């Protein structure tokens, strides 16, 4: 038999610790090897047991989960799945946890905790399995995370965010930019990967549409955090709104998001369609619409994530004339979605995360130069 995934549960609630341990121990491929009711006890338990994955609550006595996570990821990086309460405050803290290096999170219910956690059992153990194979990286120091860059200031930073924005690039497309649309898909590890791409895009970037696997209640904070870091405007997509250059639109959690045409304009379509590839929002839905509606004016970007969501549709985008970038394995937290996109022949370039935006910008400039030369 293959080695079981060894999990430590850290939560100040005895009920949650018991329920999570029971859920984990029901699985044939994992075991709960210990629980702790606060981070200081957890620190000793981790030293003694060296677990494969930790589940970590946010609000705990003596040291909150975010402080503990920050120290852990600087000193002893390991896969962490956050257990977050579905509140506005919980969503903001969850975004900070992902920024610090948590692999993923589970949104626990505020009421009906026992039934709620058992209903989430399949999701919890799936996220633990993904975390066990994730490529975890040491968290940056506070100084390096907040080091200023040259260039125009971004939007006012969101509370608690690390404003780390490179200098904006020169004008890309001018009046032609409304024809172009950049489409991004991501899952596990994607929040920070998306940030890495968006902070490099200039204020006059073509419009960007994004599907990141995320439940309802968390994408508002995600969009606000990015808006505080970027030169472009970042927001949740709203049904029926025009998709504009210099803006990035994020699929609201728990909905499906795709693009449509209204005359010469692109518009956002947000609806309550069924899950696709088990996801809602689904990258497949967004990318299929880009293939059908945008064609050769689309640019596809597939970032880190588990599974195969979006791979088939990204190939459809390429068949329709798009140019596609796929994140390479070395820079991915989880290489599942990029691997599947490559396997389907959807990639034009496979690049490290930090090189995707510069390559895209260079290509946009080159296209513009040739068009202007012909004009």
Protein backbone atom coordinates (compact mmCIF):
# COMPACT_ATOMS: atom_id res chain seq x y z
CA UNK A 1 0.00 0.00 0.00
CA UNK A 2 1.13 3.56 -0.70
CA UNK A 3 2.05 5.76 2.23
CA UNK A 4 -0.89 7.52 3.88
CA UNK A 5 -1.12 11.30 3.96
CA UNK A 6 -0.40 12.32 7.55
CA UNK A 7 -2.51 15.29 8.67
CA UNK A 8 -2.40 17.55 11.72
CA UNK A 9 -5.60 19.48 12.54
CA UNK A 10 -5.25 22.87 14.25
CA UNK A 11 -8.49 24.47 15.47
CA UNK A 12 -9.65 25.99 18.76
CA UNK A 13 -13.02 24.22 18.53
CA UNK A 14 -13.06 20.73 20.06
CA UNK A 15 -16.05 19.88 17.87
CA UNK A 16 -14.27 20.93 14.66
CA UNK A 17 -11.11 19.04 15.65
CA UNK A 18 -13.17 15.91 16.30
CA UNK A 19 -15.18 16.20 13.08
CA UNK A 20 -12.16 16.87 10.89
CA UNK A 21 -10.21 14.01 12.46
CA UNK A 22 -13.15 11.68 11.85
CA UNK A 23 -13.52 12.79 8.22
CA UNK A 24 -9.79 12.33 7.60
CA UNK A 25 -9.60 8.93 9.30
CA UNK A 26 -12.51 7.61 7.19
CA UNK A 27 -10.25 7.86 4.13
CA UNK A 28 -8.09 4.90 3.18
CA UNK A 29 -5.26 7.13 1.97
CA UNK A 30 -4.89 9.53 4.92
CA UNK A 31 -4.83 9.69 8.70
CA UNK A 32 -5.08 12.38 11.35
CA UNK A 33 -1.90 11.99 13.39
CA UNK A 34 -2.68 14.73 15.90
CA UNK A 35 -4.78 17.77 16.79
CA UNK A 36 -3.98 21.05 18.51
CA UNK A 37 -6.22 23.77 19.92
CA UNK A 38 -3.78 26.63 19.41
CA UNK A 39 -0.69 27.41 17.30
CA UNK A 40 1.81 27.10 20.14
CA UNK A 41 0.74 23.52 20.83
CA UNK A 42 0.62 22.94 17.08
CA UNK A 43 4.22 24.10 16.72
CA UNK A 44 5.45 21.39 19.07
CA UNK A 45 3.20 18.77 17.47
CA UNK A 46 4.56 19.61 14.02
CA UNK A 47 8.12 19.28 15.27
CA UNK A 48 7.34 15.87 16.76
CA UNK A 49 5.29 14.37 13.92
CA UNK A 50 6.45 16.15 10.71
CA UNK A 51 3.03 15.92 9.01
CA UNK A 52 2.40 16.00 5.26
CA UNK A 53 -0.48 18.51 5.52
CA UNK A 54 -1.89 20.85 8.17
CA UNK A 55 -5.47 22.12 8.37
CA UNK A 56 -5.43 25.49 10.10
CA UNK A 57 -8.17 27.64 11.60
CA UNK A 58 -7.89 31.41 11.30
CA UNK A 59 -9.09 32.74 14.67
CA UNK A 60 -7.46 31.03 17.66
CA UNK A 61 -6.17 31.99 21.12
CA UNK A 62 -2.59 33.09 21.92
CA UNK A 63 -1.62 33.47 18.24
CA UNK A 64 -4.03 33.78 15.33
CA UNK A 65 -3.78 31.45 12.37
CA UNK A 66 -2.39 34.11 10.01
CA UNK A 67 0.53 34.99 12.30
CA UNK A 68 1.26 31.31 12.76
CA UNK A 69 1.03 30.63 9.02
CA UNK A 70 3.42 33.48 8.24
CA UNK A 71 6.00 32.14 10.67
CA UNK A 72 5.53 28.57 9.51
CA UNK A 73 5.96 29.41 5.82
CA UNK A 74 9.12 31.40 6.49
CA UNK A 75 10.76 28.86 8.78
CA UNK A 76 9.33 25.46 7.85
CA UNK A 77 7.22 25.63 4.67
CA UNK A 78 4.66 22.85 4.35
CA UNK A 79 1.24 22.35 2.76
CA UNK A 80 -1.52 24.13 4.66
CA UNK A 81 -5.28 24.08 4.02
CA UNK A 82 -7.03 26.96 5.79
CA UNK A 83 -10.40 26.45 7.50
CA UNK A 84 -12.14 29.80 6.97
CA UNK A 85 -15.50 31.11 8.15
CA UNK A 86 -17.72 32.37 5.35
CA UNK A 87 -17.87 36.04 6.37
CA UNK A 88 -16.52 39.26 4.87
CA UNK A 89 -13.77 39.29 7.48
CA UNK A 90 -13.10 35.59 6.87
CA UNK A 91 -12.76 36.22 3.13
CA UNK A 92 -10.24 39.03 3.62
CA UNK A 93 -8.15 36.93 5.98
CA UNK A 94 -8.31 33.97 3.60
CA UNK A 95 -6.84 36.09 0.80
CA UNK A 96 -3.99 37.02 3.13
CA UNK A 97 -3.45 33.34 3.97
CA UNK A 98 -3.19 32.40 0.29
CA UNK A 99 -0.75 35.26 -0.20
CA UNK A 100 1.40 33.85 2.61
CA UNK A 101 1.51 30.41 0.99
CA UNK A 102 -1.53 28.40 2.08
CA UNK A 103 -2.34 25.93 -0.69
CA UNK A 104 -6.13 26.22 -0.45
CA UNK A 105 -9.03 26.82 1.91
CA UNK A 106 -12.36 25.38 2.98
CA UNK A 107 -15.21 27.73 3.88
CA UNK A 108 -16.83 26.26 7.00
CA UNK A 109 -20.45 27.16 7.79
CA UNK A 110 -21.31 29.53 10.62
CA UNK A 111 -24.37 27.53 11.67
CA UNK A 112 -25.09 23.81 11.62
CA UNK A 113 -21.39 23.13 11.97
CA UNK A 114 -21.52 19.35 12.37
CA UNK A 115 -23.84 18.75 9.42
CA UNK A 116 -22.09 21.45 7.39
CA UNK A 117 -18.61 19.97 7.78
CA UNK A 118 -19.86 16.48 6.97
CA UNK A 119 -21.49 17.84 3.81
CA UNK A 120 -18.11 19.36 2.92
CA UNK A 121 -16.22 16.13 3.65
CA UNK A 122 -15.53 15.28 0.00
CA UNK A 123 -14.24 18.81 -0.65
CA UNK A 124 -12.08 18.77 2.48
CA UNK A 125 -10.33 15.50 1.69
CA UNK A 126 -9.87 16.46 -1.97
CA UNK A 127 -8.12 19.67 -0.93
CA UNK A 128 -5.92 17.72 1.50
CA UNK A 129 -4.93 15.32 -1.30
CA UNK A 130 -4.07 18.24 -3.59
CA UNK A 131 -2.09 19.95 -0.83
CA UNK A 132 -0.08 16.78 -0.20
CA UNK A 133 1.38 16.94 -3.73
CA UNK A 134 1.60 20.73 -4.03
CA UNK A 135 4.91 22.54 -4.57
CA UNK A 136 5.10 24.72 -1.48
CA UNK A 137 7.46 27.68 -1.42
CA UNK A 138 8.98 29.67 1.41
CA UNK A 139 7.02 32.84 2.10
CA UNK A 140 8.74 36.15 1.25
CA UNK A 141 9.93 38.33 4.08
CA UNK A 142 7.81 41.34 4.92
CA UNK A 143 10.56 43.63 3.58
CA UNK A 144 10.83 41.94 0.19
CA UNK A 145 7.06 41.61 -0.16
CA UNK A 146 6.59 45.34 0.36
CA UNK A 147 9.64 46.60 -1.55
CA UNK A 148 8.56 49.52 -3.74
CA UNK A 149 8.99 49.49 -7.50
CA UNK A 150 9.55 52.38 -9.85
CA UNK A 151 6.67 53.70 -11.90
CA UNK A 152 3.23 55.15 -11.46
CA UNK A 153 1.35 54.27 -8.30
CA UNK A 154 -1.38 51.63 -8.48
CA UNK A 155 -4.89 52.07 -7.16
CA UNK A 156 -5.12 52.69 -3.43
CA UNK A 157 -4.00 49.48 -1.78
CA UNK A 158 -6.55 47.27 -0.11
CA UNK A 159 -6.22 47.06 3.67
CA UNK A 160 -3.42 44.71 4.67
CA UNK A 161 -2.22 44.21 1.09
CA UNK A 162 1.42 44.26 0.02
CA UNK A 163 1.67 46.94 -2.66
CA UNK A 164 4.36 45.48 -4.88
CA UNK A 165 3.81 46.71 -8.42
CA UNK A 166 6.41 46.98 -11.17
CA UNK A 167 6.65 49.96 -13.46
CA UNK A 168 3.84 50.04 -16.02
CA UNK A 169 4.71 49.34 -19.62
CA UNK A 170 4.27 51.85 -22.42
CA UNK A 171 1.02 52.11 -24.34
CA UNK A 172 0.23 48.77 -25.94
CA UNK A 173 -2.57 49.01 -28.44
CA UNK A 174 -4.27 52.39 -28.25
CA UNK A 175 -7.48 52.45 -30.26
CA UNK A 176 -7.05 48.80 -31.30
CA UNK A 177 -7.19 47.47 -27.74
CA UNK A 178 -10.98 46.98 -27.75
CA UNK A 179 -10.52 44.15 -30.26
CA UNK A 180 -8.29 42.11 -27.96
CA UNK A 181 -9.32 40.03 -24.96
CA UNK A 182 -7.04 38.22 -22.50
CA UNK A 183 -8.59 35.12 -20.89
CA UNK A 184 -7.10 33.60 -17.71
CA UNK A 185 -7.99 30.31 -16.02
CA UNK A 186 -6.64 29.03 -12.70
CA UNK A 187 -7.42 26.88 -9.68
CA UNK A 188 -5.24 25.74 -6.74
CA UNK A 189 -2.48 28.30 -6.22
CA UNK A 190 -4.12 30.59 -8.73
CA UNK A 191 -4.84 33.62 -6.57
CA UNK A 192 -1.16 34.50 -6.28
CA UNK A 193 -0.41 33.43 -9.86
CA UNK A 194 -3.15 35.74 -11.14
CA UNK A 195 -1.74 38.55 -9.03
CA UNK A 196 1.72 38.01 -10.54
CA UNK A 197 0.30 38.40 -14.04
CA UNK A 198 -2.05 41.32 -13.36
CA UNK A 199 0.39 43.56 -11.46
CA UNK A 200 2.58 43.65 -14.56
CA UNK A 201 -0.19 44.75 -16.93
CA UNK A 202 -0.28 48.48 -17.81
CA UNK A 203 -3.29 50.70 -17.30
CA UNK A 204 -4.13 50.60 -21.03
CA UNK A 205 -4.05 46.83 -21.23
CA UNK A 206 -6.64 45.01 -23.31
CA UNK A 207 -9.58 43.78 -21.25
CA UNK A 208 -8.93 40.70 -19.14
CA UNK A 209 -11.49 38.07 -18.08
CA UNK A 210 -10.65 35.58 -15.34
CA UNK A 211 -12.06 32.37 -13.94
CA UNK A 212 -10.47 31.27 -10.67
CA UNK A 213 -12.10 28.31 -8.91
CA UNK A 214 -13.51 29.94 -5.79
CA UNK A 215 -16.77 29.63 -3.84
CA UNK A 216 -19.35 32.38 -3.43
CA UNK A 217 -18.44 35.00 -0.86
CA UNK A 218 -14.69 35.15 -1.49
CA UNK A 219 -14.25 36.68 -4.95
CA UNK A 220 -15.32 40.16 -3.77
CA UNK A 221 -12.33 40.32 -1.42
CA UNK A 222 -10.10 38.74 -4.06
CA UNK A 223 -11.02 41.40 -6.62
CA UNK A 224 -10.66 44.24 -4.09
CA UNK A 225 -7.23 43.01 -3.05
CA UNK A 226 -6.03 42.85 -6.65
CA UNK A 227 -7.54 46.25 -7.44
CA UNK A 228 -5.38 47.74 -4.70
CA UNK A 229 -2.25 46.25 -6.23
CA UNK A 230 -2.71 46.77 -9.96
CA UNK A 231 -2.53 49.59 -12.51
CA UNK A 232 -5.64 48.18 -14.20
CA UNK A 233 -9.05 48.21 -12.54
CA UNK A 234 -9.97 44.78 -11.12
CA UNK A 235 -13.57 43.92 -10.22
CA UNK A 236 -16.07 41.12 -10.02
CA UNK A 237 -17.92 40.64 -13.28
CA UNK A 238 -21.51 41.91 -13.36
CA UNK A 239 -24.05 40.42 -15.73
CA UNK A 240 -24.61 42.55 -18.81
CA UNK A 241 -21.79 45.05 -18.27
CA UNK A 242 -19.52 46.04 -21.12
CA UNK A 243 -16.01 44.56 -20.92
CA UNK A 244 -13.59 47.48 -21.20
CA UNK A 245 -9.86 47.84 -21.85
CA UNK A 246 -7.81 48.58 -18.75
CA UNK A 247 -10.11 46.36 -16.67
CA UNK A 248 -9.96 42.81 -15.38
CA UNK A 249 -13.21 40.96 -14.60
CA UNK A 250 -13.27 38.03 -12.17
CA UNK A 251 -15.98 35.37 -12.29
CA UNK A 252 -18.09 35.72 -9.13
CA UNK A 253 -17.76 32.60 -6.96
CA UNK A 254 -20.56 30.10 -7.35
CA UNK A 255 -21.64 31.34 -10.82
CA UNK A 256 -20.74 30.67 -14.43
CA UNK A 257 -19.08 33.48 -16.38
CA UNK A 258 -18.60 33.87 -20.11
CA UNK A 259 -18.32 36.58 -22.72
CA UNK A 260 -20.76 37.54 -25.46
CA UNK A 261 -20.95 40.13 -28.23
CA UNK A 262 -23.21 43.15 -28.31
CA UNK A 263 -22.51 44.89 -31.60
CA UNK A 264 -18.81 45.77 -31.58
CA UNK A 265 -18.49 45.30 -27.82
CA UNK A 266 -17.80 42.38 -25.52
CA UNK A 267 -20.20 41.99 -22.60
CA UNK A 268 -20.12 39.87 -19.46
CA UNK A 269 -22.62 37.05 -18.98
CA UNK A 270 -22.96 35.85 -15.37
CA UNK A 271 -25.56 33.18 -14.68
CA UNK A 272 -26.54 30.27 -12.47
CA UNK A 273 -25.61 27.59 -14.98
CA UNK A 274 -24.76 24.07 -13.77
CA UNK A 275 -21.24 23.05 -12.75
CA UNK A 276 -18.95 22.08 -15.63
CA UNK A 277 -16.10 19.67 -14.89
CA UNK A 278 -17.49 19.85 -11.32
CA UNK A 279 -16.67 23.57 -11.16
CA UNK A 280 -18.76 26.71 -10.84
CA UNK A 281 -17.24 28.93 -12.08
CA UNK A 282 -15.59 26.79 -14.74
CA UNK A 283 -12.64 27.74 -16.94
CA UNK A 284 -14.18 25.59 -19.68
CA UNK A 285 -17.23 27.87 -19.85
CA UNK A 286 -15.17 31.05 -20.17
CA UNK A 287 -12.68 29.66 -22.67
CA UNK A 288 -15.40 28.12 -24.88
CA UNK A 289 -17.06 31.50 -25.16
CA UNK A 290 -13.74 33.10 -26.09
CA UNK A 291 -13.25 30.53 -28.85
CA UNK A 292 -16.73 31.22 -30.23
CA UNK A 293 -16.92 34.99 -29.75
CA UNK A 294 -13.37 36.38 -29.72
CA UNK A 295 -11.47 34.01 -32.02
CA UNK A 296 -8.08 35.25 -33.21
CA UNK A 297 -8.33 38.39 -31.04
CA UNK A 298 -8.10 36.27 -27.88
CA UNK A 299 -5.06 35.45 -25.77
CA UNK A 300 -5.37 32.48 -23.42
CA UNK A 301 -3.45 31.98 -20.18
CA UNK A 302 -3.66 28.74 -18.18
CA UNK A 303 -2.22 28.95 -14.69
CA UNK A 304 -1.65 26.54 -11.80
CA UNK A 305 -4.48 24.24 -10.74
CA UNK A 306 -5.58 20.65 -10.16
CA UNK A 307 -7.58 18.74 -12.75
CA UNK A 308 -8.36 19.35 -16.40
CA UNK A 309 -10.90 22.18 -16.38
CA UNK A 310 -10.46 24.39 -19.44
CA UNK A 311 -8.00 22.21 -21.37
CA UNK A 312 -10.42 21.19 -24.14
CA UNK A 313 -11.79 24.72 -24.50
CA UNK A 314 -8.30 26.19 -24.61
CA UNK A 315 -7.57 23.95 -27.59
CA UNK A 316 -10.78 25.27 -29.15
CA UNK A 317 -9.46 28.79 -28.58
CA UNK A 318 -6.25 27.90 -30.36
CA UNK A 319 -8.16 26.33 -33.24
CA UNK A 320 -10.11 29.59 -33.52
CA UNK A 321 -6.87 31.57 -33.78
CA UNK A 322 -5.95 32.59 -30.23
CA UNK A 323 -2.38 32.65 -28.94
CA UNK A 324 -2.03 30.74 -25.66
CA UNK A 325 0.40 30.80 -22.73
CA UNK A 326 0.65 27.97 -20.20
CA UNK A 327 2.48 28.13 -16.87
CA UNK A 328 5.40 25.71 -16.60
CA UNK A 329 5.62 22.90 -14.06
CA UNK A 330 8.49 24.35 -12.03
CA UNK A 331 6.56 27.51 -11.15
CA UNK A 332 3.16 25.86 -10.54
CA UNK A 333 1.79 25.02 -7.11
CA UNK A 334 -0.13 22.22 -8.88
CA UNK A 335 0.62 21.34 -12.51
CA UNK A 336 -2.68 19.58 -13.33
CA UNK A 337 -4.55 22.12 -15.47
CA UNK A 338 -1.45 23.36 -17.31
CA UNK A 339 -0.35 19.77 -17.96
CA UNK A 340 -3.74 18.93 -19.47
CA UNK A 341 -3.71 22.06 -21.63
CA UNK A 342 -0.29 21.05 -22.99
CA UNK A 343 -1.46 17.47 -23.54
CA UNK A 344 -4.41 18.76 -25.59
CA UNK A 345 -2.08 20.77 -27.81
CA UNK A 346 -3.49 24.08 -26.55
CA UNK A 347 -0.20 25.80 -25.66
CA UNK A 348 1.75 28.10 -27.96
CA UNK A 349 4.28 28.89 -25.22
CA UNK A 350 5.01 27.20 -21.86
CA UNK A 351 6.67 29.72 -19.57
CA UNK A 352 7.60 30.35 -15.92
CA UNK A 353 4.93 32.40 -14.18
CA UNK A 354 7.04 35.57 -13.99
CA UNK A 355 7.63 35.52 -17.76
CA UNK A 356 4.03 35.19 -18.94
CA UNK A 357 3.01 38.86 -18.67
CA UNK A 358 6.23 40.20 -20.25
CA UNK A 359 5.88 37.73 -23.14
CA UNK A 360 2.25 38.72 -23.65
CA UNK A 361 3.05 42.43 -23.54
CA UNK A 362 5.90 41.98 -26.05
CA UNK A 363 3.58 40.09 -28.38
CA UNK A 364 0.89 42.76 -28.11
CA UNK A 365 3.44 45.44 -28.93
CA UNK A 366 4.73 43.47 -31.89
CA UNK A 367 1.24 42.99 -33.28
CA UNK A 368 0.57 46.71 -32.91
CA UNK A 369 3.82 47.69 -34.59
CA UNK A 370 3.06 45.54 -37.63
CA UNK A 371 -0.51 46.81 -37.90
CA UNK A 372 0.58 50.44 -37.64
CA UNK A 373 3.30 49.86 -40.22
CA UNK A 374 0.72 48.57 -42.71
CA UNK A 375 -1.55 51.52 -41.98
